[in-house]
Amino acid sequence: MTSSTPGIRNGFKFFAGHVALDLPCTLAGRLKPMPRELLETPADLARWLVAAELARRPPEAKPPELAMARELRETLYALALHRIEGSALPIGLRRSLNSIAAKPPAVPALDRQGRMTLTGSAGAFLAGLARDAVRLLGRDLELRIRQCEGESCALLFVDTSRAGDRRWCSMTGCGNRAKVAEFRRRLGSP
């Protein structure tokens, strides 16, 4: 499952090109001394699921599902870093992801207009997201997962560029800052 449009929606970042890599963005400033939790309440989780375009309406979310979302987020971040490094995926992380993926997912149905909708609790949407993450990490694009090269940026993304050389989470953010810094560096050199 991919994010349909990159950018910021409802206060959440969606630059990864795959919603499973967008979830780790809910811990803002991950590499900074004081990261900021964007999933503070179950309502925040429900809001993220809508912003991620997984649910049309905020699903029911409870504290255990919020804990599950945070566990899934940290598991996905760690597994993606292992993929980027080309190292073996730790058994504990695989078990965590597989456990969430094994839960019942949201149920698909056709609405009056003949469009697919999904219904279920926040936990059901997270189970579906975990299944998509298994596909991403296990076969689809695992060799194209990258971490932004921007200074102090921890965002992950799927590099879908033809050459496979994307370096930043977004050109308007980290990419632009890096290009400006390089320009200034050149101006300062003889």
N, C-alpha and C. Protein backbone atom coordinates (compact mmCIF):
# COMPACT_ATOMS: atom_id res chain seq x y z
N MET A 1 0.85 -1.17 0.00
CA MET A 1 0.00 0.00 0.00
C MET A 1 0.90 1.23 0.00
N THR A 2 0.65 2.14 -0.88
CA THR A 2 1.47 3.34 -0.96
C THR A 2 0.64 4.55 -0.56
N SER A 3 1.32 5.58 -0.11
CA SER A 3 0.63 6.84 0.14
C SER A 3 0.31 7.46 -1.21
N SER A 4 -0.89 7.96 -1.38
CA SER A 4 -1.28 8.45 -2.70
C SER A 4 -0.67 9.82 -3.01
N THR A 5 -0.59 10.69 -2.03
CA THR A 5 -0.04 12.01 -2.30
C THR A 5 0.99 12.36 -1.23
N PRO A 6 2.18 12.76 -1.65
CA PRO A 6 3.19 13.15 -0.66
C PRO A 6 2.85 14.50 -0.04
N GLY A 7 3.37 14.72 1.15
CA GLY A 7 3.18 16.00 1.80
C GLY A 7 2.77 15.85 3.24
N ILE A 8 2.18 16.91 3.76
CA ILE A 8 1.72 16.91 5.15
C ILE A 8 0.20 16.95 5.13
N ARG A 9 -0.40 16.00 5.82
CA ARG A 9 -1.86 15.91 5.91
C ARG A 9 -2.25 15.81 7.38
N ASN A 10 -3.09 16.74 7.79
CA ASN A 10 -3.63 16.73 9.15
C ASN A 10 -2.52 16.70 10.21
N GLY A 11 -1.40 17.36 9.91
CA GLY A 11 -0.31 17.44 10.86
C GLY A 11 0.69 16.29 10.82
N PHE A 12 0.51 15.36 9.89
CA PHE A 12 1.40 14.19 9.78
C PHE A 12 2.13 14.23 8.43
N LYS A 13 3.38 13.76 8.43
CA LYS A 13 4.19 13.73 7.21
C LYS A 13 3.97 12.43 6.44
N PHE A 14 3.86 12.57 5.12
CA PHE A 14 3.70 11.44 4.21
C PHE A 14 4.60 11.64 3.00
N PHE A 15 5.88 11.35 3.17
CA PHE A 15 6.86 11.49 2.10
C PHE A 15 7.50 10.15 1.72
N ALA A 16 7.14 9.09 2.41
CA ALA A 16 7.86 7.82 2.28
C ALA A 16 7.56 7.06 0.99
N GLY A 17 6.41 7.28 0.40
CA GLY A 17 6.05 6.51 -0.78
C GLY A 17 5.44 5.16 -0.41
N HIS A 18 5.34 4.88 0.87
CA HIS A 18 4.69 3.66 1.36
C HIS A 18 4.24 3.94 2.78
N VAL A 19 2.97 3.70 3.04
CA VAL A 19 2.40 4.07 4.33
C VAL A 19 3.09 3.36 5.51
N ALA A 20 3.65 2.18 5.29
CA ALA A 20 4.35 1.49 6.38
C ALA A 20 5.61 2.25 6.80
N LEU A 21 6.18 3.02 5.91
CA LEU A 21 7.34 3.84 6.26
C LEU A 21 6.93 5.24 6.70
N ASP A 22 5.66 5.60 6.48
CA ASP A 22 5.15 6.87 6.99
C ASP A 22 4.84 6.79 8.49
N LEU A 23 4.45 5.62 8.97
CA LEU A 23 4.13 5.47 10.39
C LEU A 23 5.30 5.88 11.29
N PRO A 24 6.55 5.51 11.00
CA PRO A 24 7.65 5.95 11.87
C PRO A 24 7.80 7.47 11.96
N CYS A 25 7.21 8.21 11.03
CA CYS A 25 7.27 9.68 11.09
C CYS A 25 6.42 10.25 12.22
N THR A 26 5.64 9.41 12.87
CA THR A 26 4.80 9.90 13.96
C THR A 26 5.59 10.11 15.25
N LEU A 27 6.88 9.84 15.22
CA LEU A 27 7.78 10.26 16.30
C LEU A 27 8.66 11.35 15.68
N ALA A 28 8.22 12.60 15.82
CA ALA A 28 8.90 13.73 15.17
C ALA A 28 10.23 14.02 15.86
N GLY A 29 11.23 14.36 15.07
CA GLY A 29 12.54 14.68 15.62
C GLY A 29 13.20 13.49 16.29
N ARG A 30 13.02 12.34 15.71
CA ARG A 30 13.51 11.07 16.27
C ARG A 30 14.97 11.13 16.69
N LEU A 31 15.82 11.81 15.93
CA LEU A 31 17.25 11.85 16.24
C LEU A 31 17.64 13.01 17.15
N LYS A 32 16.69 13.81 17.53
CA LYS A 32 16.96 14.96 18.39
C LYS A 32 16.88 14.53 19.87
N PRO A 33 17.47 15.33 20.76
CA PRO A 33 17.44 14.97 22.19
C PRO A 33 16.03 14.82 22.76
N MET A 34 15.07 15.58 22.24
CA MET A 34 13.70 15.53 22.75
C MET A 34 12.72 15.28 21.61
N PRO A 35 12.60 14.02 21.13
CA PRO A 35 11.63 13.76 20.06
C PRO A 35 10.21 14.07 20.54
N ARG A 36 9.33 14.34 19.60
CA ARG A 36 7.96 14.70 19.93
C ARG A 36 7.01 13.60 19.46
N GLU A 37 6.23 13.09 20.38
CA GLU A 37 5.25 12.04 20.11
C GLU A 37 4.03 12.64 19.44
N LEU A 38 3.71 12.19 18.22
CA LEU A 38 2.53 12.68 17.53
C LEU A 38 1.32 11.78 17.76
N LEU A 39 1.56 10.59 18.28
CA LEU A 39 0.46 9.67 18.62
C LEU A 39 0.33 9.65 20.15
N GLU A 40 -0.13 10.76 20.70
CA GLU A 40 -0.25 10.88 22.15
C GLU A 40 -1.50 10.19 22.69
N THR A 41 -2.57 10.21 21.91
CA THR A 41 -3.84 9.66 22.38
C THR A 41 -4.42 8.71 21.33
N PRO A 42 -5.38 7.88 21.73
CA PRO A 42 -6.06 7.04 20.74
C PRO A 42 -6.70 7.86 19.62
N ALA A 43 -7.19 9.06 19.95
CA ALA A 43 -7.79 9.92 18.92
C ALA A 43 -6.74 10.34 17.89
N ASP A 44 -5.48 10.55 18.32
CA ASP A 44 -4.41 10.87 17.38
C ASP A 44 -4.18 9.72 16.41
N LEU A 45 -4.22 8.50 16.93
CA LEU A 45 -4.07 7.32 16.07
C LEU A 45 -5.18 7.26 15.04
N ALA A 46 -6.42 7.46 15.48
CA ALA A 46 -7.56 7.44 14.54
C ALA A 46 -7.40 8.53 13.48
N ARG A 47 -6.93 9.70 13.90
CA ARG A 47 -6.71 10.82 12.97
C ARG A 47 -5.60 10.46 11.98
N TRP A 48 -4.52 9.79 12.44
CA TRP A 48 -3.44 9.39 11.54
C TRP A 48 -3.94 8.37 10.51
N LEU A 49 -4.77 7.43 10.94
CA LEU A 49 -5.28 6.42 10.01
C LEU A 49 -6.09 7.05 8.88
N VAL A 50 -6.82 8.12 9.19
CA VAL A 50 -7.56 8.85 8.15
C VAL A 50 -6.58 9.64 7.28
N ALA A 51 -5.64 10.34 7.90
CA ALA A 51 -4.65 11.11 7.13
C ALA A 51 -3.81 10.21 6.23
N ALA A 52 -3.55 8.98 6.68
CA ALA A 52 -2.78 8.01 5.90
C ALA A 52 -3.61 7.39 4.78
N GLU A 53 -4.88 7.76 4.73
CA GLU A 53 -5.82 7.27 3.72
C GLU A 53 -6.06 5.77 3.84
N LEU A 54 -5.92 5.27 5.06
CA LEU A 54 -6.26 3.87 5.32
C LEU A 54 -7.73 3.75 5.67
N ALA A 55 -8.26 4.74 6.38
CA ALA A 55 -9.66 4.76 6.78
C ALA A 55 -10.31 6.05 6.28
N ARG A 56 -11.57 5.97 5.92
CA ARG A 56 -12.29 7.18 5.47
C ARG A 56 -12.75 8.01 6.65
N ARG A 57 -13.14 7.32 7.73
CA ARG A 57 -13.59 7.98 8.96
C ARG A 57 -12.73 7.48 10.10
N PRO A 58 -12.57 8.29 11.14
CA PRO A 58 -11.76 7.83 12.28
C PRO A 58 -12.34 6.55 12.88
N PRO A 59 -11.57 5.48 12.88
CA PRO A 59 -12.07 4.24 13.49
C PRO A 59 -11.97 4.32 15.01
N GLU A 60 -12.69 3.41 15.64
CA GLU A 60 -12.61 3.32 17.11
C GLU A 60 -11.17 2.95 17.49
N ALA A 61 -10.60 3.73 18.39
CA ALA A 61 -9.23 3.47 18.85
C ALA A 61 -9.21 3.54 20.37
N LYS A 62 -8.54 2.57 20.96
CA LYS A 62 -8.45 2.49 22.42
C LYS A 62 -6.98 2.46 22.82
N PRO A 63 -6.69 2.66 24.11
CA PRO A 63 -5.29 2.65 24.56
C PRO A 63 -4.47 1.42 24.14
N PRO A 64 -5.00 0.20 24.17
CA PRO A 64 -4.18 -0.93 23.71
C PRO A 64 -3.80 -0.83 22.22
N GLU A 65 -4.68 -0.25 21.42
CA GLU A 65 -4.37 -0.08 20.00
C GLU A 65 -3.34 1.02 19.79
N LEU A 66 -3.38 2.04 20.65
CA LEU A 66 -2.34 3.07 20.60
C LEU A 66 -0.98 2.45 20.93
N ALA A 67 -0.95 1.60 21.93
CA ALA A 67 0.30 0.90 22.28
C ALA A 67 0.76 0.03 21.11
N MET A 68 -0.18 -0.63 20.45
CA MET A 68 0.15 -1.47 19.29
C MET A 68 0.73 -0.61 18.16
N ALA A 69 0.15 0.55 17.94
CA ALA A 69 0.64 1.44 16.87
C ALA A 69 2.06 1.89 17.16
N ARG A 70 2.34 2.23 18.41
CA ARG A 70 3.70 2.65 18.77
C ARG A 70 4.69 1.49 18.63
N GLU A 71 4.27 0.30 19.04
CA GLU A 71 5.13 -0.88 18.87
C GLU A 71 5.40 -1.14 17.40
N LEU A 72 4.35 -1.08 16.59
CA LEU A 72 4.51 -1.30 15.15
C LEU A 72 5.42 -0.23 14.55
N ARG A 73 5.24 1.00 14.97
CA ARG A 73 6.06 2.09 14.45
C ARG A 73 7.54 1.83 14.71
N GLU A 74 7.89 1.49 15.95
CA GLU A 74 9.29 1.27 16.30
C GLU A 74 9.84 0.01 15.65
N THR A 75 9.01 -1.00 15.51
CA THR A 75 9.41 -2.23 14.83
C THR A 75 9.71 -1.94 13.36
N LEU A 76 8.83 -1.19 12.71
CA LEU A 76 9.04 -0.87 11.29
C LEU A 76 10.29 -0.03 11.08
N TYR A 77 10.51 0.91 11.97
CA TYR A 77 11.70 1.76 11.85
C TYR A 77 12.96 0.90 11.97
N ALA A 78 13.01 0.06 12.99
CA ALA A 78 14.20 -0.79 13.20
C ALA A 78 14.39 -1.78 12.05
N LEU A 79 13.32 -2.41 11.59
CA LEU A 79 13.45 -3.35 10.48
C LEU A 79 13.92 -2.66 9.20
N ALA A 80 13.40 -1.46 8.95
CA ALA A 80 13.82 -0.72 7.76
C ALA A 80 15.31 -0.39 7.84
N LEU A 81 15.79 0.01 9.01
CA LEU A 81 17.22 0.30 9.15
C LEU A 81 18.06 -0.95 8.89
N HIS A 82 17.59 -2.10 9.34
CA HIS A 82 18.31 -3.35 9.06
C HIS A 82 18.32 -3.64 7.56
N ARG A 83 17.21 -3.37 6.86
CA ARG A 83 17.17 -3.56 5.41
C ARG A 83 18.16 -2.62 4.73
N ILE A 84 18.19 -1.36 5.17
CA ILE A 84 19.10 -0.37 4.58
C ILE A 84 20.55 -0.82 4.77
N GLU A 85 20.87 -1.33 5.95
CA GLU A 85 22.24 -1.78 6.26
C GLU A 85 22.57 -3.11 5.60
N GLY A 86 21.55 -3.83 5.15
CA GLY A 86 21.77 -5.15 4.56
C GLY A 86 22.06 -6.21 5.61
N SER A 87 21.65 -5.95 6.85
CA SER A 87 21.91 -6.91 7.93
C SER A 87 20.68 -7.80 8.15
N ALA A 88 20.90 -8.89 8.86
CA ALA A 88 19.83 -9.84 9.15
C ALA A 88 18.75 -9.17 10.00
N LEU A 89 17.52 -9.57 9.78
CA LEU A 89 16.41 -9.02 10.54
C LEU A 89 16.28 -9.77 11.87
N PRO A 90 16.43 -9.07 13.00
CA PRO A 90 16.38 -9.73 14.30
C PRO A 90 15.05 -10.46 14.54
N ILE A 91 15.15 -11.60 15.18
CA ILE A 91 13.98 -12.45 15.40
C ILE A 91 12.91 -11.74 16.22
N GLY A 92 13.30 -10.97 17.22
CA GLY A 92 12.31 -10.26 18.05
C GLY A 92 11.51 -9.26 17.24
N LEU A 93 12.18 -8.54 16.36
CA LEU A 93 11.48 -7.58 15.51
C LEU A 93 10.56 -8.28 14.52
N ARG A 94 11.04 -9.38 13.95
CA ARG A 94 10.19 -10.14 13.02
C ARG A 94 8.96 -10.68 13.73
N ARG A 95 9.16 -11.19 14.95
CA ARG A 95 8.01 -11.72 15.72
C ARG A 95 7.00 -10.63 16.01
N SER A 96 7.48 -9.45 16.37
CA SER A 96 6.58 -8.34 16.67
C SER A 96 5.74 -7.98 15.45
N LEU A 97 6.39 -7.81 14.30
CA LEU A 97 5.66 -7.48 13.07
C LEU A 97 4.70 -8.60 12.69
N ASN A 98 5.18 -9.84 12.71
CA ASN A 98 4.33 -10.97 12.33
C ASN A 98 3.13 -11.12 13.26
N SER A 99 3.32 -10.83 14.53
CA SER A 99 2.23 -10.93 15.50
C SER A 99 1.11 -9.94 15.17
N ILE A 100 1.48 -8.73 14.84
CA ILE A 100 0.47 -7.73 14.49
C ILE A 100 -0.16 -8.06 13.14
N ALA A 101 0.63 -8.52 12.20
CA ALA A 101 0.11 -8.89 10.88
C ALA A 101 -0.86 -10.06 10.95
N ALA A 102 -0.74 -10.90 11.98
CA ALA A 102 -1.61 -12.08 12.11
C ALA A 102 -2.98 -11.74 12.68
N LYS A 103 -3.15 -10.55 13.18
CA LYS A 103 -4.45 -10.15 13.74
C LYS A 103 -5.46 -9.93 12.61
N PRO A 104 -6.74 -10.01 12.92
CA PRO A 104 -7.76 -9.79 11.87
C PRO A 104 -7.68 -8.36 11.31
N PRO A 105 -7.59 -8.22 9.98
CA PRO A 105 -7.50 -6.89 9.37
C PRO A 105 -8.88 -6.25 9.19
N ALA A 106 -8.90 -5.00 8.78
CA ALA A 106 -10.15 -4.31 8.46
C ALA A 106 -10.83 -5.06 7.31
N VAL A 107 -12.14 -5.01 7.31
CA VAL A 107 -12.93 -5.78 6.34
C VAL A 107 -13.28 -4.90 5.14
N PRO A 108 -12.96 -5.37 3.92
CA PRO A 108 -13.31 -4.60 2.73
C PRO A 108 -14.77 -4.83 2.34
N ALA A 109 -15.39 -3.79 1.80
CA ALA A 109 -16.76 -3.87 1.29
C ALA A 109 -16.92 -2.82 0.20
N LEU A 110 -17.91 -3.01 -0.66
CA LEU A 110 -18.21 -2.02 -1.69
C LEU A 110 -19.31 -1.10 -1.15
N ASP A 111 -19.10 0.23 -1.32
CA ASP A 111 -20.12 1.18 -0.88
C ASP A 111 -21.15 1.40 -1.99
N ARG A 112 -22.07 2.33 -1.78
CA ARG A 112 -23.14 2.59 -2.75
C ARG A 112 -22.62 3.00 -4.13
N GLN A 113 -21.46 3.68 -4.14
CA GLN A 113 -20.88 4.12 -5.40
C GLN A 113 -20.00 3.04 -6.03
N GLY A 114 -19.93 1.90 -5.41
CA GLY A 114 -19.11 0.81 -5.94
C GLY A 114 -17.63 0.94 -5.61
N ARG A 115 -17.29 1.81 -4.65
CA ARG A 115 -15.89 1.96 -4.22
C ARG A 115 -15.64 1.09 -3.00
N MET A 116 -14.41 0.63 -2.90
CA MET A 116 -14.05 -0.19 -1.76
C MET A 116 -13.90 0.67 -0.51
N THR A 117 -14.45 0.20 0.58
CA THR A 117 -14.24 0.82 1.88
C THR A 117 -13.75 -0.26 2.83
N LEU A 118 -13.08 0.15 3.87
CA LEU A 118 -12.62 -0.76 4.90
C LEU A 118 -13.28 -0.38 6.21
N THR A 119 -13.72 -1.36 6.97
CA THR A 119 -14.31 -1.09 8.27
C THR A 119 -13.62 -1.94 9.32
N GLY A 120 -13.52 -1.38 10.49
CA GLY A 120 -12.91 -2.09 11.61
C GLY A 120 -12.36 -1.12 12.62
N SER A 121 -11.80 -1.67 13.67
CA SER A 121 -11.18 -0.86 14.72
C SER A 121 -9.81 -0.38 14.25
N ALA A 122 -9.21 0.48 15.03
CA ALA A 122 -7.85 0.94 14.71
C ALA A 122 -6.89 -0.25 14.66
N GLY A 123 -7.09 -1.22 15.54
CA GLY A 123 -6.25 -2.41 15.55
C GLY A 123 -6.36 -3.21 14.25
N ALA A 124 -7.55 -3.25 13.69
CA ALA A 124 -7.75 -3.96 12.41
C ALA A 124 -7.01 -3.24 11.28
N PHE A 125 -7.04 -1.91 11.30
CA PHE A 125 -6.30 -1.15 10.28
C PHE A 125 -4.79 -1.34 10.46
N LEU A 126 -4.33 -1.40 11.71
CA LEU A 126 -2.91 -1.63 11.96
C LEU A 126 -2.48 -3.02 11.50
N ALA A 127 -3.37 -4.01 11.66
CA ALA A 127 -3.06 -5.37 11.18
C ALA A 127 -2.87 -5.36 9.66
N GLY A 128 -3.74 -4.66 8.95
CA GLY A 128 -3.59 -4.55 7.50
C GLY A 128 -2.30 -3.82 7.12
N LEU A 129 -1.97 -2.79 7.87
CA LEU A 129 -0.73 -2.06 7.63
C LEU A 129 0.48 -2.96 7.87
N ALA A 130 0.42 -3.76 8.92
CA ALA A 130 1.52 -4.70 9.21
C ALA A 130 1.67 -5.71 8.08
N ARG A 131 0.57 -6.17 7.51
CA ARG A 131 0.64 -7.10 6.37
C ARG A 131 1.31 -6.45 5.17
N ASP A 132 0.96 -5.19 4.92
CA ASP A 132 1.60 -4.45 3.82
C ASP A 132 3.09 -4.28 4.09
N ALA A 133 3.44 -4.07 5.36
CA ALA A 133 4.86 -3.91 5.73
C ALA A 133 5.63 -5.21 5.51
N VAL A 134 5.01 -6.34 5.80
CA VAL A 134 5.65 -7.63 5.54
C VAL A 134 5.97 -7.76 4.06
N ARG A 135 5.00 -7.37 3.20
CA ARG A 135 5.23 -7.44 1.76
C ARG A 135 6.36 -6.49 1.34
N LEU A 136 6.35 -5.29 1.89
CA LEU A 136 7.39 -4.31 1.54
C LEU A 136 8.77 -4.81 1.98
N LEU A 137 8.89 -5.22 3.21
CA LEU A 137 10.19 -5.62 3.76
C LEU A 137 10.64 -6.99 3.27
N GLY A 138 9.69 -7.81 2.88
CA GLY A 138 10.01 -9.18 2.53
C GLY A 138 10.15 -9.48 1.06
N ARG A 139 9.66 -8.56 0.20
CA ARG A 139 9.82 -8.89 -1.21
C ARG A 139 9.63 -7.74 -2.17
N ASP A 140 8.75 -6.82 -1.88
CA ASP A 140 8.40 -5.82 -2.89
C ASP A 140 9.55 -4.88 -3.23
N LEU A 141 9.92 -4.05 -2.28
CA LEU A 141 10.88 -3.00 -2.56
C LEU A 141 11.96 -2.90 -1.49
N GLU A 142 12.26 -4.00 -0.84
CA GLU A 142 13.17 -3.95 0.31
C GLU A 142 14.54 -3.36 -0.04
N LEU A 143 14.99 -3.52 -1.26
CA LEU A 143 16.29 -2.98 -1.65
C LEU A 143 16.22 -1.50 -2.02
N ARG A 144 15.03 -0.95 -2.04
CA ARG A 144 14.85 0.47 -2.38
C ARG A 144 14.51 1.33 -1.16
N ILE A 145 14.53 0.74 0.03
CA ILE A 145 14.25 1.50 1.24
C ILE A 145 15.48 2.33 1.58
N ARG A 146 15.25 3.61 1.87
CA ARG A 146 16.34 4.53 2.18
C ARG A 146 15.99 5.35 3.42
N GLN A 147 17.03 5.94 4.02
CA GLN A 147 16.84 6.93 5.07
C GLN A 147 17.33 8.26 4.53
N CYS A 148 16.61 9.32 4.81
CA CYS A 148 16.97 10.65 4.32
C CYS A 148 18.39 11.00 4.76
N GLU A 149 19.15 11.59 3.84
CA GLU A 149 20.52 12.01 4.13
C GLU A 149 20.58 13.41 4.72
N GLY A 150 19.42 14.04 4.94
CA GLY A 150 19.39 15.36 5.54
C GLY A 150 19.94 15.32 6.95
N GLU A 151 20.65 16.40 7.32
CA GLU A 151 21.25 16.47 8.65
C GLU A 151 20.15 16.36 9.71
N SER A 152 20.30 15.42 10.61
CA SER A 152 19.39 15.13 11.72
C SER A 152 17.99 14.68 11.28
N CYS A 153 17.83 14.25 10.03
CA CYS A 153 16.54 13.74 9.55
C CYS A 153 16.56 12.21 9.60
N ALA A 154 15.54 11.64 10.18
CA ALA A 154 15.46 10.19 10.31
C ALA A 154 14.38 9.59 9.43
N LEU A 155 13.77 10.39 8.55
CA LEU A 155 12.65 9.88 7.77
C LEU A 155 13.10 8.81 6.78
N LEU A 156 12.24 7.83 6.62
CA LEU A 156 12.47 6.71 5.71
C LEU A 156 11.63 6.92 4.45
N PHE A 157 12.06 6.30 3.35
CA PHE A 157 11.27 6.37 2.14
C PHE A 157 11.65 5.23 1.21
N VAL A 158 10.78 4.98 0.24
CA VAL A 158 11.05 4.02 -0.83
C VAL A 158 11.55 4.83 -2.02
N ASP A 159 12.74 4.52 -2.48
CA ASP A 159 13.34 5.21 -3.63
C ASP A 159 12.78 4.60 -4.91
N THR A 160 11.87 5.31 -5.52
CA THR A 160 11.28 4.83 -6.76
C THR A 160 11.85 5.56 -7.97
N SER A 161 12.92 6.33 -7.75
CA SER A 161 13.54 7.02 -8.88
C SER A 161 14.12 6.00 -9.85
N ARG A 162 14.15 6.34 -11.11
CA ARG A 162 14.65 5.43 -12.13
C ARG A 162 16.08 4.99 -11.83
N ALA A 163 16.93 5.94 -11.45
CA ALA A 163 18.34 5.65 -11.20
C ALA A 163 18.58 5.05 -9.82
N GLY A 164 17.57 5.12 -8.95
CA GLY A 164 17.74 4.59 -7.60
C GLY A 164 18.70 5.43 -6.76
N ASP A 165 18.70 6.75 -6.99
CA ASP A 165 19.65 7.61 -6.29
C ASP A 165 19.00 8.74 -5.49
N ARG A 166 17.75 8.57 -5.10
CA ARG A 166 17.08 9.58 -4.27
C ARG A 166 17.79 9.65 -2.93
N ARG A 167 18.01 10.86 -2.42
CA ARG A 167 18.78 11.04 -1.20
C ARG A 167 17.98 11.65 -0.05
N TRP A 168 16.90 12.36 -0.36
CA TRP A 168 16.20 13.10 0.68
C TRP A 168 14.73 12.71 0.76
N CYS A 169 14.16 12.94 1.94
CA CYS A 169 12.74 12.63 2.13
C CYS A 169 11.88 13.50 1.22
N SER A 170 12.30 14.75 1.04
CA SER A 170 11.60 15.63 0.10
C SER A 170 12.57 16.68 -0.41
N MET A 171 12.38 17.07 -1.64
CA MET A 171 13.23 18.12 -2.22
C MET A 171 12.89 19.48 -1.63
N THR A 172 11.65 19.68 -1.22
CA THR A 172 11.26 20.98 -0.67
C THR A 172 11.79 21.18 0.74
N GLY A 173 12.11 20.12 1.44
CA GLY A 173 12.63 20.23 2.80
C GLY A 173 14.12 19.96 2.85
N CYS A 174 14.47 18.75 3.17
CA CYS A 174 15.88 18.37 3.34
C CYS A 174 16.70 18.55 2.06
N GLY A 175 16.13 18.24 0.92
CA GLY A 175 16.86 18.38 -0.34
C GLY A 175 17.22 19.83 -0.61
N ASN A 176 16.27 20.74 -0.38
CA ASN A 176 16.54 22.15 -0.59
C ASN A 176 17.59 22.67 0.39
N ARG A 177 17.49 22.28 1.66
CA ARG A 177 18.48 22.72 2.65
C ARG A 177 19.88 22.23 2.28
N ALA A 178 19.99 20.99 1.81
CA ALA A 178 21.30 20.46 1.42
C ALA A 178 21.86 21.21 0.21
N LYS A 179 21.02 21.53 -0.75
CA LYS A 179 21.49 22.25 -1.94
C LYS A 179 21.91 23.68 -1.59
N VAL A 180 21.16 24.33 -0.71
CA VAL A 180 21.53 25.68 -0.27
C VAL A 180 22.86 25.63 0.47
N ALA A 181 23.04 24.65 1.36
CA ALA A 181 24.30 24.52 2.11
C ALA A 181 25.47 24.28 1.16
N GLU A 182 25.27 23.44 0.15
CA GLU A 182 26.32 23.16 -0.83
C GLU A 182 26.65 24.42 -1.64
N PHE A 183 25.64 25.19 -2.01
CA PHE A 183 25.85 26.44 -2.74
C PHE A 183 26.67 27.42 -1.90
N ARG A 184 26.28 27.56 -0.63
CA ARG A 184 27.02 28.45 0.27
C ARG A 184 28.46 27.98 0.47
N ARG A 185 28.65 26.69 0.56
CA ARG A 185 30.00 26.14 0.72
C ARG A 185 30.85 26.50 -0.50
N ARG A 186 30.28 26.38 -1.68
CA ARG A 186 31.01 26.72 -2.90
C ARG A 186 31.35 28.20 -2.98
N LEU A 187 30.43 29.04 -2.54
CA LEU A 187 30.68 30.48 -2.55
C LEU A 187 31.84 30.86 -1.62
N GLY A 188 31.95 30.13 -0.53
CA GLY A 188 32.99 30.41 0.44
C GLY A 188 34.35 29.86 0.06
N SER A 189 34.40 28.96 -0.93
CA SER A 189 35.68 28.37 -1.33
C SER A 189 36.30 29.19 -2.45
N PRO A 190 37.66 29.14 -2.56
CA PRO A 190 38.35 29.93 -3.59
C PRO A 190 38.07 29.47 -5.00
